[in-house]
mmCIF file of all heavy atoms, coordinates in Angstrom:
data_MODEL
# 
_entry.id   MODEL 
# 
loop_
_atom_site.group_PDB 
_atom_site.id 
_atom_site.type_symbol 
_atom_site.label_atom_id 
_atom_site.label_alt_id 
_atom_site.label_comp_id 
_atom_site.label_asym_id 
_atom_site.label_entity_id 
_atom_site.label_seq_id 
_atom_site.pdbx_PDB_ins_code 
_atom_site.Cartn_x 
_atom_site.Cartn_y 
_atom_site.Cartn_z 
_atom_site.occupancy 
_atom_site.B_iso_or_equiv 
_atom_site.pdbx_formal_charge 
_atom_site.auth_seq_id 
_atom_site.auth_comp_id 
_atom_site.auth_asym_id 
_atom_site.auth_atom_id 
_atom_site.pdbx_PDB_model_num 
ATOM 1   N N   . ILE A 1 1  ? 42.029 54.057 4.593  1.00 0.00 ? 1  ILE A N   1 
ATOM 2   C CA  . ILE A 1 1  ? 42.419 55.456 4.671  1.00 0.00 ? 1  ILE A CA  1 
ATOM 3   C C   . ILE A 1 1  ? 43.310 55.795 3.479  1.00 0.00 ? 1  ILE A C   1 
ATOM 4   O O   . ILE A 1 1  ? 44.103 54.961 3.017  1.00 0.00 ? 1  ILE A O   1 
ATOM 5   C CB  . ILE A 1 1  ? 43.139 55.729 6.019  1.00 0.00 ? 1  ILE A CB  1 
ATOM 6   C CG1 . ILE A 1 1  ? 43.223 57.219 6.307  1.00 0.00 ? 1  ILE A CG1 1 
ATOM 7   C CG2 . ILE A 1 1  ? 44.502 55.089 6.067  1.00 0.00 ? 1  ILE A CG2 1 
ATOM 8   C CD1 . ILE A 1 1  ? 43.620 57.528 7.735  1.00 0.00 ? 1  ILE A CD1 1 
ATOM 9   N N   . SER A 1 2  ? 43.176 56.990 2.958  1.00 0.00 ? 2  SER A N   1 
ATOM 10  C CA  . SER A 1 2  ? 43.939 57.408 1.792  1.00 0.00 ? 2  SER A CA  1 
ATOM 11  C C   . SER A 1 2  ? 45.427 57.474 2.107  1.00 0.00 ? 2  SER A C   1 
ATOM 12  O O   . SER A 1 2  ? 45.839 57.746 3.239  1.00 0.00 ? 2  SER A O   1 
ATOM 13  C CB  . SER A 1 2  ? 43.440 58.780 1.328  1.00 0.00 ? 2  SER A CB  1 
ATOM 14  O OG  . SER A 1 2  ? 44.326 59.344 0.380  1.00 0.00 ? 2  SER A OG  1 
ATOM 15  N N   . SER A 1 3  ? 46.240 57.248 1.093  1.00 0.00 ? 3  SER A N   1 
ATOM 16  C CA  . SER A 1 3  ? 47.694 57.331 1.258  1.00 0.00 ? 3  SER A CA  1 
ATOM 17  C C   . SER A 1 3  ? 48.141 58.771 1.524  1.00 0.00 ? 3  SER A C   1 
ATOM 18  O O   . SER A 1 3  ? 49.274 59.000 1.959  1.00 0.00 ? 3  SER A O   1 
ATOM 19  C CB  . SER A 1 3  ? 48.403 56.795 0.008  1.00 0.00 ? 3  SER A CB  1 
ATOM 20  O OG  . SER A 1 3  ? 48.026 57.540 -1.151 1.00 0.00 ? 3  SER A OG  1 
ATOM 21  N N   . ASP A 1 4  ? 47.257 59.726 1.272  1.00 0.00 ? 4  ASP A N   1 
ATOM 22  C CA  . ASP A 1 4  ? 47.574 61.128 1.527  1.00 0.00 ? 4  ASP A CA  1 
ATOM 23  C C   . ASP A 1 4  ? 47.335 61.524 2.982  1.00 0.00 ? 4  ASP A C   1 
ATOM 24  O O   . ASP A 1 4  ? 47.610 62.665 3.360  1.00 0.00 ? 4  ASP A O   1 
ATOM 25  C CB  . ASP A 1 4  ? 46.720 62.032 0.625  1.00 0.00 ? 4  ASP A CB  1 
ATOM 26  C CG  . ASP A 1 4  ? 47.010 61.818 -0.850 1.00 0.00 ? 4  ASP A CG  1 
ATOM 27  O OD1 . ASP A 1 4  ? 48.188 61.650 -1.191 1.00 0.00 ? 4  ASP A OD1 1 
ATOM 28  O OD2 . ASP A 1 4  ? 46.050 61.787 -1.649 1.00 0.00 ? 4  ASP A OD2 1 
ATOM 29  N N   . VAL A 1 5  ? 46.818 60.584 3.762  1.00 0.00 ? 5  VAL A N   1 
ATOM 30  C CA  . VAL A 1 5  ? 46.483 60.854 5.165  1.00 0.00 ? 5  VAL A CA  1 
ATOM 31  C C   . VAL A 1 5  ? 47.373 60.012 6.070  1.00 0.00 ? 5  VAL A C   1 
ATOM 32  O O   . VAL A 1 5  ? 47.517 58.801 5.869  1.00 0.00 ? 5  VAL A O   1 
ATOM 33  C CB  . VAL A 1 5  ? 44.999 60.536 5.438  1.00 0.00 ? 5  VAL A CB  1 
ATOM 34  C CG1 . VAL A 1 5  ? 44.663 60.797 6.908  1.00 0.00 ? 5  VAL A CG1 1 
ATOM 35  C CG2 . VAL A 1 5  ? 44.099 61.364 4.534  1.00 0.00 ? 5  VAL A CG2 1 
ATOM 36  N N   . SER A 1 6  ? 47.997 60.652 7.059  1.00 0.00 ? 6  SER A N   1 
ATOM 37  C CA  . SER A 1 6  ? 48.853 59.947 8.018  1.00 0.00 ? 6  SER A CA  1 
ATOM 38  C C   . SER A 1 6  ? 48.072 59.643 9.288  1.00 0.00 ? 6  SER A C   1 
ATOM 39  O O   . SER A 1 6  ? 47.438 60.535 9.881  1.00 0.00 ? 6  SER A O   1 
ATOM 40  C CB  . SER A 1 6  ? 50.081 60.792 8.368  1.00 0.00 ? 6  SER A CB  1 
ATOM 41  O OG  . SER A 1 6  ? 50.857 61.051 7.220  1.00 0.00 ? 6  SER A OG  1 
ATOM 42  N N   . LEU A 1 7  ? 48.111 58.382 9.708  1.00 0.00 ? 7  LEU A N   1 
ATOM 43  C CA  . LEU A 1 7  ? 47.404 57.953 10.905 1.00 0.00 ? 7  LEU A CA  1 
ATOM 44  C C   . LEU A 1 7  ? 48.263 58.224 12.132 1.00 0.00 ? 7  LEU A C   1 
ATOM 45  O O   . LEU A 1 7  ? 49.428 57.818 12.203 1.00 0.00 ? 7  LEU A O   1 
ATOM 46  C CB  . LEU A 1 7  ? 47.096 56.463 10.795 1.00 0.00 ? 7  LEU A CB  1 
ATOM 47  C CG  . LEU A 1 7  ? 46.234 55.835 11.868 1.00 0.00 ? 7  LEU A CG  1 
ATOM 48  C CD1 . LEU A 1 7  ? 44.836 56.438 11.856 1.00 0.00 ? 7  LEU A CD1 1 
ATOM 49  C CD2 . LEU A 1 7  ? 46.172 54.331 11.662 1.00 0.00 ? 7  LEU A CD2 1 
ATOM 50  N N   . LEU A 1 8  ? 47.719 58.915 13.123 1.00 0.00 ? 8  LEU A N   1 
ATOM 51  C CA  . LEU A 1 8  ? 48.453 59.238 14.340 1.00 0.00 ? 8  LEU A CA  1 
ATOM 52  C C   . LEU A 1 8  ? 48.017 58.380 15.527 1.00 0.00 ? 8  LEU A C   1 
ATOM 53  O O   . LEU A 1 8  ? 48.774 58.204 16.470 1.00 0.00 ? 8  LEU A O   1 
ATOM 54  C CB  . LEU A 1 8  ? 48.282 60.722 14.685 1.00 0.00 ? 8  LEU A CB  1 
ATOM 55  C CG  . LEU A 1 8  ? 48.731 61.712 13.597 1.00 0.00 ? 8  LEU A CG  1 
ATOM 56  C CD1 . LEU A 1 8  ? 48.550 63.138 14.084 1.00 0.00 ? 8  LEU A CD1 1 
ATOM 57  C CD2 . LEU A 1 8  ? 50.182 61.469 13.190 1.00 0.00 ? 8  LEU A CD2 1 
ATOM 58  N N   . THR A 1 9  ? 46.815 57.842 15.474 1.00 0.00 ? 9  THR A N   1 
ATOM 59  C CA  . THR A 1 9  ? 46.331 56.948 16.527 1.00 0.00 ? 9  THR A CA  1 
ATOM 60  C C   . THR A 1 9  ? 46.994 55.578 16.369 1.00 0.00 ? 9  THR A C   1 
ATOM 61  O O   . THR A 1 9  ? 47.253 55.132 15.247 1.00 0.00 ? 9  THR A O   1 
ATOM 62  C CB  . THR A 1 9  ? 44.804 56.796 16.435 1.00 0.00 ? 9  THR A CB  1 
ATOM 63  O OG1 . THR A 1 9  ? 44.204 58.089 16.584 1.00 0.00 ? 9  THR A OG1 1 
ATOM 64  C CG2 . THR A 1 9  ? 44.264 55.885 17.533 1.00 0.00 ? 9  THR A CG2 1 
ATOM 65  N N   . ASP A 1 10 ? 47.272 54.915 17.478 1.00 0.00 ? 10 ASP A N   1 
ATOM 66  C CA  . ASP A 1 10 ? 47.879 53.581 17.460 1.00 0.00 ? 10 ASP A CA  1 
ATOM 67  C C   . ASP A 1 10 ? 47.053 52.642 16.578 1.00 0.00 ? 10 ASP A C   1 
ATOM 68  O O   . ASP A 1 10 ? 45.857 52.449 16.816 1.00 0.00 ? 10 ASP A O   1 
ATOM 69  C CB  . ASP A 1 10 ? 47.951 53.038 18.887 1.00 0.00 ? 10 ASP A CB  1 
ATOM 70  C CG  . ASP A 1 10 ? 48.636 51.678 18.954 1.00 0.00 ? 10 ASP A CG  1 
ATOM 71  O OD1 . ASP A 1 10 ? 49.054 51.156 17.913 1.00 0.00 ? 10 ASP A OD1 1 
ATOM 72  O OD2 . ASP A 1 10 ? 48.728 51.135 20.076 1.00 0.00 ? 10 ASP A OD2 1 
ATOM 73  N N   . SER A 1 11 ? 47.697 52.063 15.576 1.00 0.00 ? 11 SER A N   1 
ATOM 74  C CA  . SER A 1 11 ? 46.977 51.228 14.608 1.00 0.00 ? 11 SER A CA  1 
ATOM 75  C C   . SER A 1 11 ? 46.413 49.955 15.224 1.00 0.00 ? 11 SER A C   1 
ATOM 76  O O   . SER A 1 11 ? 45.505 49.337 14.666 1.00 0.00 ? 11 SER A O   1 
ATOM 77  C CB  . SER A 1 11 ? 47.895 50.865 13.437 1.00 0.00 ? 11 SER A CB  1 
ATOM 78  O OG  . SER A 1 11 ? 49.007 50.110 13.886 1.00 0.00 ? 11 SER A OG  1 
ATOM 79  N N   . GLU A 1 12 ? 46.920 49.541 16.387 1.00 0.00 ? 12 GLU A N   1 
ATOM 80  C CA  . GLU A 1 12 ? 46.446 48.320 17.028 1.00 0.00 ? 12 GLU A CA  1 
ATOM 81  C C   . GLU A 1 12 ? 45.287 48.570 17.988 1.00 0.00 ? 12 GLU A C   1 
ATOM 82  O O   . GLU A 1 12 ? 44.734 47.627 18.570 1.00 0.00 ? 12 GLU A O   1 
ATOM 83  C CB  . GLU A 1 12 ? 47.597 47.633 17.775 1.00 0.00 ? 12 GLU A CB  1 
ATOM 84  C CG  . GLU A 1 12 ? 48.648 47.026 16.870 1.00 0.00 ? 12 GLU A CG  1 
ATOM 85  C CD  . GLU A 1 12 ? 48.059 46.002 15.913 1.00 0.00 ? 12 GLU A CD  1 
ATOM 86  O OE1 . GLU A 1 12 ? 47.402 45.054 16.396 1.00 0.00 ? 12 GLU A OE1 1 
ATOM 87  O OE2 . GLU A 1 12 ? 48.221 46.165 14.681 1.00 0.00 ? 12 GLU A OE2 1 
ATOM 88  N N   . SER A 1 13 ? 44.919 49.823 18.174 1.00 0.00 ? 13 SER A N   1 
ATOM 89  C CA  . SER A 1 13 ? 43.811 50.139 19.082 1.00 0.00 ? 13 SER A CA  1 
ATOM 90  C C   . SER A 1 13 ? 42.510 49.552 18.553 1.00 0.00 ? 13 SER A C   1 
ATOM 91  O O   . SER A 1 13 ? 42.219 49.627 17.356 1.00 0.00 ? 13 SER A O   1 
ATOM 92  C CB  . SER A 1 13 ? 43.658 51.659 19.224 1.00 0.00 ? 13 SER A CB  1 
ATOM 93  O OG  . SER A 1 13 ? 44.811 52.231 19.807 1.00 0.00 ? 13 SER A OG  1 
ATOM 94  N N   . ILE A 1 14 ? 41.729 48.955 19.449 1.00 0.00 ? 14 ILE A N   1 
ATOM 95  C CA  . ILE A 1 14 ? 40.451 48.350 19.067 1.00 0.00 ? 14 ILE A CA  1 
ATOM 96  C C   . ILE A 1 14 ? 39.391 49.442 18.936 1.00 0.00 ? 14 ILE A C   1 
ATOM 97  O O   . ILE A 1 14 ? 39.227 50.287 19.807 1.00 0.00 ? 14 ILE A O   1 
ATOM 98  C CB  . ILE A 1 14 ? 40.014 47.304 20.105 1.00 0.00 ? 14 ILE A CB  1 
ATOM 99  C CG1 . ILE A 1 14 ? 40.999 46.136 20.107 1.00 0.00 ? 14 ILE A CG1 1 
ATOM 100 C CG2 . ILE A 1 14 ? 38.598 46.799 19.808 1.00 0.00 ? 14 ILE A CG2 1 
ATOM 101 C CD1 . ILE A 1 14 ? 40.728 45.102 21.184 1.00 0.00 ? 14 ILE A CD1 1 
ATOM 102 N N   . VAL A 1 15 ? 38.665 49.392 17.814 1.00 0.00 ? 15 VAL A N   1 
ATOM 103 C CA  . VAL A 1 15 ? 37.603 50.360 17.570 1.00 0.00 ? 15 VAL A CA  1 
ATOM 104 C C   . VAL A 1 15 ? 36.231 49.744 17.830 1.00 0.00 ? 15 VAL A C   1 
ATOM 105 O O   . VAL A 1 15 ? 35.362 50.364 18.440 1.00 0.00 ? 15 VAL A O   1 
ATOM 106 C CB  . VAL A 1 15 ? 37.668 50.890 16.119 1.00 0.00 ? 15 VAL A CB  1 
ATOM 107 C CG1 . VAL A 1 15 ? 36.560 51.912 15.869 1.00 0.00 ? 15 VAL A CG1 1 
ATOM 108 C CG2 . VAL A 1 15 ? 39.026 51.496 15.828 1.00 0.00 ? 15 VAL A CG2 1 
ATOM 109 N N   . VAL A 1 16 ? 36.033 48.504 17.355 1.00 0.00 ? 16 VAL A N   1 
ATOM 110 C CA  . VAL A 1 16 ? 34.727 47.852 17.475 1.00 0.00 ? 16 VAL A CA  1 
ATOM 111 C C   . VAL A 1 16 ? 34.925 46.384 17.848 1.00 0.00 ? 16 VAL A C   1 
ATOM 112 O O   . VAL A 1 16 ? 35.804 45.708 17.325 1.00 0.00 ? 16 VAL A O   1 
ATOM 113 C CB  . VAL A 1 16 ? 33.922 47.928 16.153 1.00 0.00 ? 16 VAL A CB  1 
ATOM 114 C CG1 . VAL A 1 16 ? 32.611 47.157 16.285 1.00 0.00 ? 16 VAL A CG1 1 
ATOM 115 C CG2 . VAL A 1 16 ? 33.640 49.366 15.773 1.00 0.00 ? 16 VAL A CG2 1 
ATOM 116 N N   . ARG A 1 17 ? 34.076 45.906 18.766 1.00 0.00 ? 17 ARG A N   1 
ATOM 117 C CA  . ARG A 1 17 ? 33.964 44.481 19.047 1.00 0.00 ? 17 ARG A CA  1 
ATOM 118 C C   . ARG A 1 17 ? 32.493 44.162 19.240 1.00 0.00 ? 17 ARG A C   1 
ATOM 119 O O   . ARG A 1 17 ? 31.681 45.071 19.482 1.00 0.00 ? 17 ARG A O   1 
ATOM 120 C CB  . ARG A 1 17 ? 34.772 44.074 20.281 1.00 0.00 ? 17 ARG A CB  1 
ATOM 121 C CG  . ARG A 1 17 ? 34.405 44.816 21.548 1.00 0.00 ? 17 ARG A CG  1 
ATOM 122 C CD  . ARG A 1 17 ? 34.907 44.118 22.830 1.00 0.00 ? 17 ARG A CD  1 
ATOM 123 N NE  . ARG A 1 17 ? 36.183 43.475 22.714 1.00 0.00 ? 17 ARG A NE  1 
ATOM 124 C CZ  . ARG A 1 17 ? 37.340 43.982 23.157 1.00 0.00 ? 17 ARG A CZ  1 
ATOM 125 N NH1 . ARG A 1 17 ? 37.339 45.191 23.714 1.00 0.00 ? 17 ARG A NH1 1 
ATOM 126 N NH2 . ARG A 1 17 ? 38.461 43.315 23.061 1.00 0.00 ? 17 ARG A NH2 1 
ATOM 127 N N   . ILE A 1 18 ? 32.151 42.901 19.130 1.00 0.00 ? 18 ILE A N   1 
ATOM 128 C CA  . ILE A 1 18 ? 30.779 42.472 19.360 1.00 0.00 ? 18 ILE A CA  1 
ATOM 129 C C   . ILE A 1 18 ? 30.693 41.829 20.732 1.00 0.00 ? 18 ILE A C   1 
ATOM 130 O O   . ILE A 1 18 ? 31.408 40.869 21.033 1.00 0.00 ? 18 ILE A O   1 
ATOM 131 C CB  . ILE A 1 18 ? 30.307 41.466 18.292 1.00 0.00 ? 18 ILE A CB  1 
ATOM 132 C CG1 . ILE A 1 18 ? 30.447 42.073 16.893 1.00 0.00 ? 18 ILE A CG1 1 
ATOM 133 C CG2 . ILE A 1 18 ? 28.857 41.063 18.547 1.00 0.00 ? 18 ILE A CG2 1 
ATOM 134 C CD1 . ILE A 1 18 ? 29.663 43.328 16.661 1.00 0.00 ? 18 ILE A CD1 1 
ATOM 135 N N   . SER A 1 19 ? 29.848 42.391 21.590 1.00 0.00 ? 19 SER A N   1 
ATOM 136 C CA  . SER A 1 19 ? 29.644 41.824 22.925 1.00 0.00 ? 19 SER A CA  1 
ATOM 137 C C   . SER A 1 19 ? 28.636 40.686 22.832 1.00 0.00 ? 19 SER A C   1 
ATOM 138 O O   . SER A 1 19 ? 27.557 40.840 22.249 1.00 0.00 ? 19 SER A O   1 
ATOM 139 C CB  . SER A 1 19 ? 29.121 42.896 23.896 1.00 0.00 ? 19 SER A CB  1 
ATOM 140 O OG  . SER A 1 19 ? 30.063 43.942 24.024 1.00 0.00 ? 19 SER A OG  1 
ATOM 141 N N   . ALA A 1 20 ? 29.006 39.534 23.403 1.00 0.00 ? 20 ALA A N   1 
ATOM 142 C CA  . ALA A 1 20 ? 28.107 38.382 23.385 1.00 0.00 ? 20 ALA A CA  1 
ATOM 143 C C   . ALA A 1 20 ? 26.900 38.638 24.277 1.00 0.00 ? 20 ALA A C   1 
ATOM 144 O O   . ALA A 1 20 ? 26.979 39.390 25.242 1.00 0.00 ? 20 ALA A O   1 
ATOM 145 C CB  . ALA A 1 20 ? 28.841 37.134 23.857 1.00 0.00 ? 20 ALA A CB  1 
ATOM 146 N N   . PRO A 1 21 ? 25.762 38.008 23.964 1.00 0.00 ? 21 PRO A N   1 
ATOM 147 C CA  . PRO A 1 21 ? 24.586 38.151 24.828 1.00 0.00 ? 21 PRO A CA  1 
ATOM 148 C C   . PRO A 1 21 ? 24.896 37.616 26.224 1.00 0.00 ? 21 PRO A C   1 
ATOM 149 O O   . PRO A 1 21 ? 25.618 36.633 26.377 1.00 0.00 ? 21 PRO A O   1 
ATOM 150 C CB  . PRO A 1 21 ? 23.522 37.292 24.132 1.00 0.00 ? 21 PRO A CB  1 
ATOM 151 C CG  . PRO A 1 21 ? 24.013 37.100 22.742 1.00 0.00 ? 21 PRO A CG  1 
ATOM 152 C CD  . PRO A 1 21 ? 25.497 37.134 22.810 1.00 0.00 ? 21 PRO A CD  1 
ATOM 153 N N   . ARG A 1 22 ? 24.362 38.286 27.230 1.00 0.00 ? 22 ARG A N   1 
ATOM 154 C CA  . ARG A 1 22 ? 24.513 37.787 28.597 1.00 0.00 ? 22 ARG A CA  1 
ATOM 155 C C   . ARG A 1 22 ? 23.378 36.813 28.854 1.00 0.00 ? 22 ARG A C   1 
ATOM 156 O O   . ARG A 1 22 ? 22.212 37.104 28.599 1.00 0.00 ? 22 ARG A O   1 
ATOM 157 C CB  . ARG A 1 22 ? 24.450 38.938 29.594 1.00 0.00 ? 22 ARG A CB  1 
ATOM 158 C CG  . ARG A 1 22 ? 24.704 38.466 31.033 1.00 0.00 ? 22 ARG A CG  1 
ATOM 159 C CD  . ARG A 1 22 ? 24.857 39.640 31.990 1.00 0.00 ? 22 ARG A CD  1 
ATOM 160 N NE  . ARG A 1 22 ? 23.651 40.450 32.055 1.00 0.00 ? 22 ARG A NE  1 
ATOM 161 C CZ  . ARG A 1 22 ? 23.579 41.712 31.676 1.00 0.00 ? 22 ARG A CZ  1 
ATOM 162 N NH1 . ARG A 1 22 ? 24.635 42.298 31.143 1.00 0.00 ? 22 ARG A NH1 1 
ATOM 163 N NH2 . ARG A 1 22 ? 22.456 42.388 31.776 1.00 0.00 ? 22 ARG A NH2 1 
ATOM 164 N N   . ARG A 1 23 ? 23.693 35.650 29.369 1.00 0.00 ? 23 ARG A N   1 
ATOM 165 C CA  . ARG A 1 23 ? 22.690 34.603 29.573 1.00 0.00 ? 23 ARG A CA  1 
ATOM 166 C C   . ARG A 1 23 ? 22.404 34.434 31.060 1.00 0.00 ? 23 ARG A C   1 
ATOM 167 O O   . ARG A 1 23 ? 23.314 34.343 31.868 1.00 0.00 ? 23 ARG A O   1 
ATOM 168 C CB  . ARG A 1 23 ? 23.159 33.277 28.958 1.00 0.00 ? 23 ARG A CB  1 
ATOM 169 C CG  . ARG A 1 23 ? 23.429 33.388 27.471 1.00 0.00 ? 23 ARG A CG  1 
ATOM 170 C CD  . ARG A 1 23 ? 23.833 32.055 26.866 1.00 0.00 ? 23 ARG A CD  1 
ATOM 171 N NE  . ARG A 1 23 ? 24.146 32.204 25.439 1.00 0.00 ? 23 ARG A NE  1 
ATOM 172 C CZ  . ARG A 1 23 ? 23.240 32.238 24.480 1.00 0.00 ? 23 ARG A CZ  1 
ATOM 173 N NH1 . ARG A 1 23 ? 21.962 32.118 24.787 1.00 0.00 ? 23 ARG A NH1 1 
ATOM 174 N NH2 . ARG A 1 23 ? 23.583 32.377 23.214 1.00 0.00 ? 23 ARG A NH2 1 
ATOM 175 N N   . THR A 1 24 ? 21.130 34.400 31.363 1.00 0.00 ? 24 THR A N   1 
ATOM 176 C CA  . THR A 1 24 ? 20.694 34.185 32.739 1.00 0.00 ? 24 THR A CA  1 
ATOM 177 C C   . THR A 1 24 ? 19.789 32.974 32.777 1.00 0.00 ? 24 THR A C   1 
ATOM 178 O O   . THR A 1 24 ? 19.098 32.664 31.808 1.00 0.00 ? 24 THR A O   1 
ATOM 179 C CB  . THR A 1 24 ? 19.924 35.413 33.272 1.00 0.00 ? 24 THR A CB  1 
ATOM 180 O OG1 . THR A 1 24 ? 18.786 35.646 32.454 1.00 0.00 ? 24 THR A OG1 1 
ATOM 181 C CG2 . THR A 1 24 ? 20.823 36.646 33.272 1.00 0.00 ? 24 THR A CG2 1 
ATOM 182 N N   . GLY A 1 25 ? 19.784 32.275 33.863 1.00 0.00 ? 25 GLY A N   1 
ATOM 183 C CA  . GLY A 1 25 ? 18.980 31.056 33.971 1.00 0.00 ? 25 GLY A CA  1 
ATOM 184 C C   . GLY A 1 25 ? 17.777 31.236 34.870 1.00 0.00 ? 25 GLY A C   1 
ATOM 185 O O   . GLY A 1 25 ? 17.860 31.878 35.916 1.00 0.00 ? 25 GLY A O   1 
ATOM 186 N N   . THR A 1 26 ? 16.648 30.658 34.477 1.00 0.00 ? 26 THR A N   1 
ATOM 187 C CA  . THR A 1 26 ? 15.449 30.641 35.311 1.00 0.00 ? 26 THR A CA  1 
ATOM 188 C C   . THR A 1 26 ? 14.918 29.216 35.332 1.00 0.00 ? 26 THR A C   1 
ATOM 189 O O   . THR A 1 26 ? 15.219 28.401 34.464 1.00 0.00 ? 26 THR A O   1 
ATOM 190 C CB  . THR A 1 26 ? 14.355 31.578 34.751 1.00 0.00 ? 26 THR A CB  1 
ATOM 191 O OG1 . THR A 1 26 ? 13.999 31.147 33.445 1.00 0.00 ? 26 THR A OG1 1 
ATOM 192 C CG2 . THR A 1 26 ? 14.856 33.017 34.695 1.00 0.00 ? 26 THR A CG2 1 
ATOM 193 N N   . THR A 1 27 ? 14.160 28.913 36.319 1.00 0.00 ? 27 THR A N   1 
ATOM 194 C CA  . THR A 1 27 ? 13.605 27.565 36.463 1.00 0.00 ? 27 THR A CA  1 
ATOM 195 C C   . THR A 1 27 ? 12.138 27.571 36.092 1.00 0.00 ? 27 THR A C   1 
ATOM 196 O O   . THR A 1 27 ? 11.370 28.416 36.556 1.00 0.00 ? 27 THR A O   1 
ATOM 197 C CB  . THR A 1 27 ? 13.763 27.062 37.911 1.00 0.00 ? 27 THR A CB  1 
ATOM 198 O OG1 . THR A 1 27 ? 15.141 27.113 38.255 1.00 0.00 ? 27 THR A OG1 1 
ATOM 199 C CG2 . THR A 1 27 ? 13.263 25.635 38.041 1.00 0.00 ? 27 THR A CG2 1 
# 
């Protein structure tokens, strides 16, 4: 973000994460 812009949202807030694949078992 530019130095001319002030951030108002909490800087520690998570924006993106990667969800792991859900694994199911079959026989």
